[in-house]
C-alpha atoms as a PDB file:
ATOM      1  CA  UNK A   1      14.015 -12.075 -11.505  1.00  0.00           C
ATOM      2  CA  UNK A   2      11.615 -13.073  -8.132  1.00  0.00           C
ATOM      3  CA  UNK A   3      12.440 -13.232  -4.913  1.00  0.00           C
ATOM      4  CA  UNK A   4      10.920 -16.103  -3.103  1.00  0.00           C
ATOM      5  CA  UNK A   5      10.063 -15.594   1.086  1.00  0.00           C
ATOM      6  CA  UNK A   6      10.109 -18.406   3.615  1.00  0.00           C
ATOM      7  CA  UNK A   7       7.512 -18.614   6.420  1.00  0.00           C
ATOM      8  CA  UNK A   8       7.471 -21.386   8.664  1.00  0.00           C
ATOM      9  CA  UNK A   9       9.085 -23.444   6.350  1.00  0.00           C
ATOM     10  CA  UNK A  10       7.226 -22.934   3.184  1.00  0.00           C
ATOM     11  CA  UNK A  11       6.792 -20.994   0.365  1.00  0.00           C
ATOM     12  CA  UNK A  12       4.132 -17.832   1.418  1.00  0.00           C
ATOM     13  CA  UNK A  13       4.617 -16.228  -1.956  1.00  0.00           C
ATOM     14  CA  UNK A  14       6.949 -14.839  -4.358  1.00  0.00           C
ATOM     15  CA  UNK A  15       7.745 -11.061  -4.947  1.00  0.00           C
ATOM     16  CA  UNK A  16       8.963 -10.150  -8.978  1.00  0.00           C
ATOM     17  CA  UNK A  17      11.586  -7.278  -9.093  1.00  0.00           C
ATOM     18  CA  UNK A  18      10.606  -5.831 -10.715  1.00  0.00           C
ATOM     19  CA  UNK A  19       6.871  -5.205 -10.363  1.00  0.00           C
ATOM     20  CA  UNK A  20       4.083  -2.969 -11.689  1.00  0.00           C
ATOM     21  CA  UNK A  21       0.841  -3.489 -11.155  1.00  0.00           C
ATOM     22  CA  UNK A  22      -1.552  -1.493 -13.121  1.00  0.00           C
ATOM     23  CA  UNK A  23      -5.397   0.220 -12.196  1.00  0.00           C
ATOM     24  CA  UNK A  24      -8.107   1.959 -13.411  1.00  0.00           C
ATOM     25  CA  UNK A  25      -9.823   3.968 -10.994  1.00  0.00           C
ATOM     26  CA  UNK A  26     -13.661   4.461 -11.180  1.00  0.00           C
ATOM     27  CA  UNK A  27     -15.875   6.297  -9.798  1.00  0.00           C
ATOM     28  CA  UNK A  28     -19.789   6.573 -10.403  1.00  0.00           C
ATOM     29  CA  UNK A  29     -19.518   4.500 -13.128  1.00  0.00           C
ATOM     30  CA  UNK A  30     -17.226   6.683 -15.024  1.00  0.00           C
ATOM     31  CA  UNK A  31     -13.084   6.116 -15.526  1.00  0.00           C
ATOM     32  CA  UNK A  32     -11.967   8.589 -12.661  1.00  0.00           C
ATOM     33  CA  UNK A  33      -8.180   8.282 -13.239  1.00  0.00           C
ATOM     34  CA  UNK A  34      -5.443   5.572 -13.292  1.00  0.00           C
ATOM     35  CA  UNK A  35      -3.129   4.551 -10.776  1.00  0.00           C
ATOM     36  CA  UNK A  36       0.417   2.507 -10.712  1.00  0.00           C
ATOM     37  CA  UNK A  37       1.818  -0.243  -7.730  1.00  0.00           C
ATOM     38  CA  UNK A  38       5.336  -0.707  -8.148  1.00  0.00           C
ATOM     39  CA  UNK A  39       8.659  -2.255  -6.800  1.00  0.00           C
ATOM     40  CA  UNK A  40      11.737  -1.393  -8.014  1.00  0.00           C
ATOM     41  CA  UNK A  41      15.521  -2.564  -7.216  1.00  0.00           C
ATOM     42  CA  UNK A  42      17.255   0.776  -7.431  1.00  0.00           C
ATOM     43  CA  UNK A  43      20.589  -0.483  -6.968  1.00  0.00           C
ATOM     44  CA  UNK A  44      21.222   0.610  -3.278  1.00  0.00           C
ATOM     45  CA  UNK A  45      17.784  -0.361  -2.029  1.00  0.00           C
ATOM     46  CA  UNK A  46      14.377  -1.361  -2.940  1.00  0.00           C
ATOM     47  CA  UNK A  47      11.687   0.599  -3.576  1.00  0.00           C
ATOM     48  CA  UNK A  48       7.659   0.533  -3.003  1.00  0.00           C
ATOM     49  CA  UNK A  49       6.334   3.137  -5.008  1.00  0.00           C
ATOM     50  CA  UNK A  50       2.104   4.104  -5.287  1.00  0.00           C
ATOM     51  CA  UNK A  51       0.976   6.930  -7.935  1.00  0.00           C
ATOM     52  CA  UNK A  52      -2.637   7.864  -8.489  1.00  0.00           C
ATOM     53  CA  UNK A  53      -3.195  10.762 -11.010  1.00  0.00           C
ATOM     54  CA  UNK A  54      -7.270  12.030 -11.832  1.00  0.00           C
ATOM     55  CA  UNK A  55      -8.563  11.376 -16.111  1.00  0.00           C
ATOM     56  CA  UNK A  56      -9.157  14.835 -17.678  1.00  0.00           C
ATOM     57  CA  UNK A  57     -12.667  14.798 -17.174  1.00  0.00           C
ATOM     58  CA  UNK A  58     -12.302  14.241 -13.302  1.00  0.00           C
ATOM     59  CA  UNK A  59      -9.332  16.917 -13.213  1.00  0.00           C
ATOM     60  CA  UNK A  60     -11.878  19.771 -14.550  1.00  0.00           C
ATOM     61  CA  UNK A  61     -13.304  19.814 -10.671  1.00  0.00           C
ATOM     62  CA  UNK A  62     -11.060  17.552  -8.561  1.00  0.00           C
ATOM     63  CA  UNK A  63      -7.576  17.001  -9.711  1.00  0.00           C
ATOM     64  CA  UNK A  64      -5.896  13.942  -8.133  1.00  0.00           C
ATOM     65  CA  UNK A  65      -1.993  13.459  -8.014  1.00  0.00           C
ATOM     66  CA  UNK A  66      -0.964  11.389  -5.333  1.00  0.00           C
ATOM     67  CA  UNK A  67       2.786   9.965  -4.980  1.00  0.00           C
ATOM     68  CA  UNK A  68       3.977   7.699  -2.167  1.00  0.00           C
ATOM     69  CA  UNK A  69       7.745   6.333  -1.742  1.00  0.00           C
ATOM     70  CA  UNK A  70       9.075   3.896   0.613  1.00  0.00           C
ATOM     71  CA  UNK A  71      12.467   2.747   0.525  1.00  0.00           C
ATOM     72  CA  UNK A  72      13.915  -0.545   2.375  1.00  0.00           C
ATOM     73  CA  UNK A  73      17.447  -1.302   3.193  1.00  0.00           C
ATOM     74  CA  UNK A  74      18.828  -5.120   1.869  1.00  0.00           C
ATOM     75  CA  UNK A  75      18.864  -6.805   4.601  1.00  0.00           C
ATOM     76  CA  UNK A  76      17.161  -9.851   5.665  1.00  0.00           C
ATOM     77  CA  UNK A  77      13.724  -9.794   7.084  1.00  0.00           C
ATOM     78  CA  UNK A  78      11.140 -12.792   7.111  1.00  0.00           C
ATOM     79  CA  UNK A  79       8.687 -11.170   4.876  1.00  0.00           C
ATOM     80  CA  UNK A  80      10.099  -8.163   2.720  1.00  0.00           C
ATOM     81  CA  UNK A  81      13.414  -7.568   0.649  1.00  0.00           C
ATOM     82  CA  UNK A  82      14.555  -5.225   3.500  1.00  0.00           C
ATOM     83  CA  UNK A  83      14.009  -2.823   6.101  1.00  0.00           C
ATOM     84  CA  UNK A  84      12.227   0.482   5.485  1.00  0.00           C
ATOM     85  CA  UNK A  85      14.470   3.587   6.291  1.00  0.00           C
ATOM     86  CA  UNK A  86      12.181   6.210   3.674  1.00  0.00           C
ATOM     87  CA  UNK A  87       8.847   7.004   3.832  1.00  0.00           C
ATOM     88  CA  UNK A  88       7.829   9.892   1.098  1.00  0.00           C
ATOM     89  CA  UNK A  89       3.963  11.191   0.675  1.00  0.00           C
ATOM     90  CA  UNK A  90       3.174  14.559  -1.692  1.00  0.00           C
ATOM     91  CA  UNK A  91      -0.921  14.699  -2.348  1.00  0.00           C
ATOM     92  CA  UNK A  92      -2.719  17.005  -4.099  1.00  0.00           C
ATOM     93  CA  UNK A  93      -6.291  16.276  -3.936  1.00  0.00           C
ATOM     94  CA  UNK A  94      -8.320  19.084  -4.540  1.00  0.00           C
ATOM     95  CA  UNK A  95      -7.644  21.833  -2.733  1.00  0.00           C
ATOM     96  CA  UNK A  96      -5.832  20.251  -0.568  1.00  0.00           C
ATOM     97  CA  UNK A  97      -2.075  19.695  -0.669  1.00  0.00           C
ATOM     98  CA  UNK A  98       1.002  17.230   1.771  1.00  0.00           C
ATOM     99  CA  UNK A  99       3.977  16.308   1.640  1.00  0.00           C
ATOM    100  CA  UNK A 100       4.799  14.408   4.618  1.00  0.00           C
ATOM    101  CA  UNK A 101       8.332  12.111   5.368  1.00  0.00           C
ATOM    102  CA  UNK A 102       9.206  10.148   7.959  1.00  0.00           C
ATOM    103  CA  UNK A 103      12.779   8.941   8.249  1.00  0.00           C
ATOM    104  CA  UNK A 104      12.821   5.597  10.581  1.00  0.00           C
ATOM    105  CA  UNK A 105      16.100   4.983  12.479  1.00  0.00           C
ATOM    106  CA  UNK A 106      14.872   1.397  13.921  1.00  0.00           C
ATOM    107  CA  UNK A 107      17.791   0.025  15.645  1.00  0.00           C
ATOM    108  CA  UNK A 108      17.493   3.232  17.551  1.00  0.00           C
ATOM    109  CA  UNK A 109      13.386   2.962  17.964  1.00  0.00           C
ATOM    110  CA  UNK A 110      12.527   6.273  16.524  1.00  0.00           C
ATOM    111  CA  UNK A 111      10.572   7.862  13.334  1.00  0.00           C
ATOM    112  CA  UNK A 112      11.273  11.558  12.837  1.00  0.00           C
ATOM    113  CA  UNK A 113       8.156  12.602  11.065  1.00  0.00           C
ATOM    114  CA  UNK A 114       8.566  16.363   9.070  1.00  0.00           C
ATOM    115  CA  UNK A 115       5.734  17.992   6.837  1.00  0.00           C
ATOM    116  CA  UNK A 116       7.587  19.858   4.463  1.00  0.00           C
ATOM    117  CA  UNK A 117       4.771  22.308   4.076  1.00  0.00           C
ATOM    118  CA  UNK A 118       4.431  23.836   7.306  1.00  0.00           C
ATOM    119  CA  UNK A 119       8.160  23.477   7.971  1.00  0.00           C
ATOM    120  CA  UNK A 120       7.006  21.074  11.219  1.00  0.00           C
ATOM    121  CA  UNK A 121       9.317  18.249  12.403  1.00  0.00           C
ATOM    122  CA  UNK A 122       8.723  15.838  15.671  1.00  0.00           C
ATOM    123  CA  UNK A 123      10.733  12.423  16.767  1.00  0.00           C
ATOM    124  CA  UNK A 124       8.704   9.528  17.861  1.00  0.00           C
ATOM    125  CA  UNK A 125       9.341   6.224  19.796  1.00  0.00           C
ATOM    126  CA  UNK A 126       8.517   3.102  17.681  1.00  0.00           C
ATOM    127  CA  UNK A 127       9.503  -0.487  17.912  1.00  0.00           C
ATOM    128  CA  UNK A 128      11.948  -1.973  15.993  1.00  0.00           C
ATOM    129  CA  UNK A 129       9.138  -4.387  13.504  1.00  0.00           C
ATOM    130  CA  UNK A 130       7.613  -0.760  12.897  1.00  0.00           C
ATOM    131  CA  UNK A 131       6.701   0.073   8.895  1.00  0.00           C
ATOM    132  CA  UNK A 132       4.761   2.806   6.852  1.00  0.00           C
ATOM    133  CA  UNK A 133       1.542   1.967   5.341  1.00  0.00           C
ATOM    134  CA  UNK A 134       2.633   1.414   1.962  1.00  0.00           C
ATOM    135  CA  UNK A 135       5.093  -1.316   3.280  1.00  0.00           C
ATOM    136  CA  UNK A 136       2.946  -3.206   5.721  1.00  0.00           C
ATOM    137  CA  UNK A 137       0.543  -3.201   2.538  1.00  0.00           C
ATOM    138  CA  UNK A 138       2.904  -5.369   0.465  1.00  0.00           C
ATOM    139  CA  UNK A 139       3.979  -7.518   3.957  1.00  0.00           C
ATOM    140  CA  UNK A 140       0.178  -8.202   4.336  1.00  0.00           C
ATOM    141  CA  UNK A 141       0.170  -9.685   0.351  1.00  0.00           C
ATOM    142  CA  UNK A 142       3.438 -12.133   2.107  1.00  0.00           C
ATOM    143  CA  UNK A 143       1.795 -13.206   5.177  1.00  0.00           C
ATOM    144  CA  UNK A 144      -0.056 -16.471   5.788  1.00  0.00           C
ATOM    145  CA  UNK A 145      -4.003 -15.939   5.447  1.00  0.00           C
ATOM    146  CA  UNK A 146      -7.032 -17.866   7.406  1.00  0.00           C
ATOM    147  CA  UNK A 147     -10.301 -16.891   6.451  1.00  0.00           C
ATOM    148  CA  UNK A 148     -12.103 -15.949   9.771  1.00  0.00           C
ATOM    149  CA  UNK A 149      -8.855 -14.630  11.230  1.00  0.00           C
ATOM    150  CA  UNK A 150      -6.462 -11.408  11.208  1.00  0.00           C
ATOM    151  CA  UNK A 151      -2.960 -10.368  11.310  1.00  0.00           C
ATOM    152  CA  UNK A 152      -1.014  -7.737  12.596  1.00  0.00           C
ATOM    153  CA  UNK A 153       1.464  -5.349  11.796  1.00  0.00           C
ATOM    154  CA  UNK A 154       3.272  -2.370  13.614  1.00  0.00           C
ATOM    155  CA  UNK A 155       2.515   0.841  11.542  1.00  0.00           C
ATOM    156  CA  UNK A 156       3.645   4.399  12.059  1.00  0.00           C
ATOM    157  CA  UNK A 157       1.697   7.289  10.141  1.00  0.00           C
ATOM    158  CA  UNK A 158       0.479  10.297   9.975  1.00  0.00           C
ATOM    159  CA  UNK A 159       2.255  10.981  13.594  1.00  0.00           C
ATOM    160  CA  UNK A 160       0.272   7.450  14.982  1.00  0.00           C
ATOM    161  CA  UNK A 161       2.225   4.788  15.997  1.00  0.00           C
ATOM    162  CA  UNK A 162      -0.123   1.539  16.162  1.00  0.00           C
ATOM    163  CA  UNK A 163      -1.411  -2.016  15.939  1.00  0.00           C
ATOM    164  CA  UNK A 164      -2.792  -2.539  12.564  1.00  0.00           C
ATOM    165  CA  UNK A 165      -5.613  -5.409  12.039  1.00  0.00           C
ATOM    166  CA  UNK A 166      -6.209  -6.722   9.149  1.00  0.00           C
ATOM    167  CA  UNK A 167      -9.007  -8.874   8.967  1.00  0.00           C
ATOM    168  CA  UNK A 168      -9.404 -12.099   6.410  1.00  0.00           C
ATOM    169  CA  UNK A 169     -13.486 -12.124   5.650  1.00  0.00           C
ATOM    170  CA  UNK A 170     -13.562 -14.770   2.552  1.00  0.00           C
ATOM    171  CA  UNK A 171     -12.495 -16.365  -0.519  1.00  0.00           C
ATOM    172  CA  UNK A 172     -14.355 -14.909  -3.428  1.00  0.00           C
ATOM    173  CA  UNK A 173     -14.279 -15.677  -6.878  1.00  0.00           C
ATOM    174  CA  UNK A 174     -14.620 -12.541  -8.893  1.00  0.00           C
ATOM    175  CA  UNK A 175     -14.130 -11.454 -12.075  1.00  0.00           C
ATOM    176  CA  UNK A 176     -12.395  -8.338 -13.816  1.00  0.00           C
ATOM    177  CA  UNK A 177     -11.975  -7.566 -17.308  1.00  0.00           C
ATOM    178  CA  UNK A 178      -8.032  -9.784 -17.115  1.00  0.00           C
ATOM    179  CA  UNK A 179     -10.480 -12.740 -15.758  1.00  0.00           C
ATOM    180  CA  UNK A 180     -11.941 -14.999 -13.317  1.00  0.00           C
ATOM    181  CA  UNK A 181     -10.065 -14.777 -10.218  1.00  0.00           C
ATOM    182  CA  UNK A 182     -10.271 -16.668  -7.042  1.00  0.00           C
ATOM    183  CA  UNK A 183      -9.244 -14.587  -4.342  1.00  0.00           C
ATOM    184  CA  UNK A 184      -8.983 -13.613  -0.698  1.00  0.00           C
ATOM    185  CA  UNK A 185     -10.702 -10.493   0.567  1.00  0.00           C
ATOM    186  CA  UNK A 186      -8.889  -8.752   3.156  1.00  0.00           C
ATOM    187  CA  UNK A 187     -10.261  -5.381   5.243  1.00  0.00           C
ATOM    188  CA  UNK A 188      -7.400  -3.296   6.610  1.00  0.00           C
ATOM    189  CA  UNK A 189      -8.772  -1.305   9.769  1.00  0.00           C
ATOM    190  CA  UNK A 190      -6.118   1.412   9.581  1.00  0.00           C
ATOM    191  CA  UNK A 191      -6.527   4.700  11.618  1.00  0.00           C
ATOM    192  CA  UNK A 192      -4.854   7.292   9.059  1.00  0.00           C
ATOM    193  CA  UNK A 193      -5.850   8.431   5.784  1.00  0.00           C
ATOM    194  CA  UNK A 194      -2.902   6.520   4.355  1.00  0.00           C
ATOM    195  CA  UNK A 195      -2.260   6.726   0.710  1.00  0.00           C
ATOM    196  CA  UNK A 196      -5.591   8.342   0.024  1.00  0.00           C
ATOM    197  CA  UNK A 197      -7.587  10.602   1.850  1.00  0.00           C
ATOM    198  CA  UNK A 198     -10.257   7.940   2.226  1.00  0.00           C
ATOM    199  CA  UNK A 199     -13.237   8.651   4.251  1.00  0.00           C
ATOM    200  CA  UNK A 200     -14.267   4.538   4.953  1.00  0.00           C
ATOM    201  CA  UNK A 201     -13.367   0.585   4.907  1.00  0.00           C
ATOM    202  CA  UNK A 202     -10.863  -0.509   2.640  1.00  0.00           C
ATOM    203  CA  UNK A 203     -11.649  -3.620   0.882  1.00  0.00           C
ATOM    204  CA  UNK A 204      -8.889  -5.371  -0.859  1.00  0.00           C
ATOM    205  CA  UNK A 205      -9.299  -8.527  -2.925  1.00  0.00           C
ATOM    206  CA  UNK A 206      -5.892 -10.266  -3.214  1.00  0.00           C
ATOM    207  CA  UNK A 207      -5.385 -13.571  -5.673  1.00  0.00           C
ATOM    208  CA  UNK A 208      -5.503 -16.382  -3.596  1.00  0.00           C
ATOM    209  CA  UNK A 209      -1.824 -18.199  -5.026  1.00  0.00           C
ATOM    210  CA  UNK A 210       1.434 -17.614  -4.687  1.00  0.00           C
ATOM    211  CA  UNK A 211       1.250 -13.428  -5.978  1.00  0.00           C
ATOM    212  CA  UNK A 212      -1.145 -12.414  -3.884  1.00  0.00           C
ATOM    213  CA  UNK A 213      -1.928 -10.171  -6.639  1.00  0.00           C
ATOM    214  CA  UNK A 214      -4.181  -6.831  -5.154  1.00  0.00           C
ATOM    215  CA  UNK A 215      -7.107  -7.015  -8.856  1.00  0.00           C
ATOM    216  CA  UNK A 216      -9.326  -4.973  -6.934  1.00  0.00           C
ATOM    217  CA  UNK A 217      -9.754  -2.349  -4.024  1.00  0.00           C
ATOM    218  CA  UNK A 218     -12.191  -0.649  -3.138  1.00  0.00           C
ATOM    219  CA  UNK A 219     -12.407   2.773  -0.678  1.00  0.00           C
ATOM    220  CA  UNK A 220     -14.923   5.979  -0.144  1.00  0.00           C
ATOM    221  CA  UNK A 221     -13.258   9.115  -0.789  1.00  0.00           C
ATOM    222  CA  UNK A 222     -13.997  12.785  -0.200  1.00  0.00           C
ATOM    223  CA  UNK A 223     -16.005  12.685  -4.015  1.00  0.00           C
ATOM    224  CA  UNK A 224     -17.469   9.547  -3.236  1.00  0.00           C
ATOM    225  CA  UNK A 225     -16.864   5.375  -3.937  1.00  0.00           C
ATOM    226  CA  UNK A 226     -13.355   4.820  -5.770  1.00  0.00           C
ATOM    227  CA  UNK A 227     -12.615   1.074  -6.956  1.00  0.00           C
ATOM    228  CA  UNK A 228      -9.199   0.476  -8.047  1.00  0.00           C
ATOM    229  CA  UNK A 229      -9.606  -3.096 -11.286  1.00  0.00           C
ATOM    230  CA  UNK A 230      -6.496  -4.168 -12.101  1.00  0.00           C
ATOM    231  CA  UNK A 231      -5.794  -3.903 -15.952  1.00  0.00           C
ATOM    232  CA  UNK A 232      -2.091  -4.863 -16.590  1.00  0.00           C
ATOM    233  CA  UNK A 233       1.597  -4.375 -15.772  1.00  0.00           C
ATOM    234  CA  UNK A 234       4.619  -6.567 -14.958  1.00  0.00           C
ATOM    235  CA  UNK A 235       3.882  -9.404 -12.062  1.00  0.00           C
END
């Protein structure tokens, strides 16, 4: 079932629920792992889910098993199917382990950060339009994007509350195993690690159509440059 979001009186994009986007992760020309981006309707709320798992070859020397889940209450919103209230990230990358959670109370203007591995709980003041990094990724897909401009969103991630800038760089035709796509290239200017323990810029190619599918993503992580290429799914 497709849910339409209206911006400025016109349809900006259509989100398919459920949506499941499957990716191959490549590093130095080899298959380093797989990743999935999902949108689920659980009945009580909407969930955005990101998972990444290293391939058997890479796991031998650098195991990756990352999961991020953002849960949204089903209330009216301009570009999203709800309002984020919980964000949980579990990361295992090499010897590094993380288990962090953020509980949002946006009416009260609060975000509670919990580090489950270090038994740490902290409270922060945030704005009423604040979202987590994963929700922001989906939010940007539904915004009007004009080359040479930037769009902005308020994010709370890893103890930081800030205004993230997403630069709209250019339109470009690219070819992937799924075929040729007319795309819009965007670059989020992130101040935190986000979902992966990245070490450089993130570049995202979105299809230049109503779905704004992220068909290609590039970033740098601890072991080098990683490219995520859409290979299939439900969308």
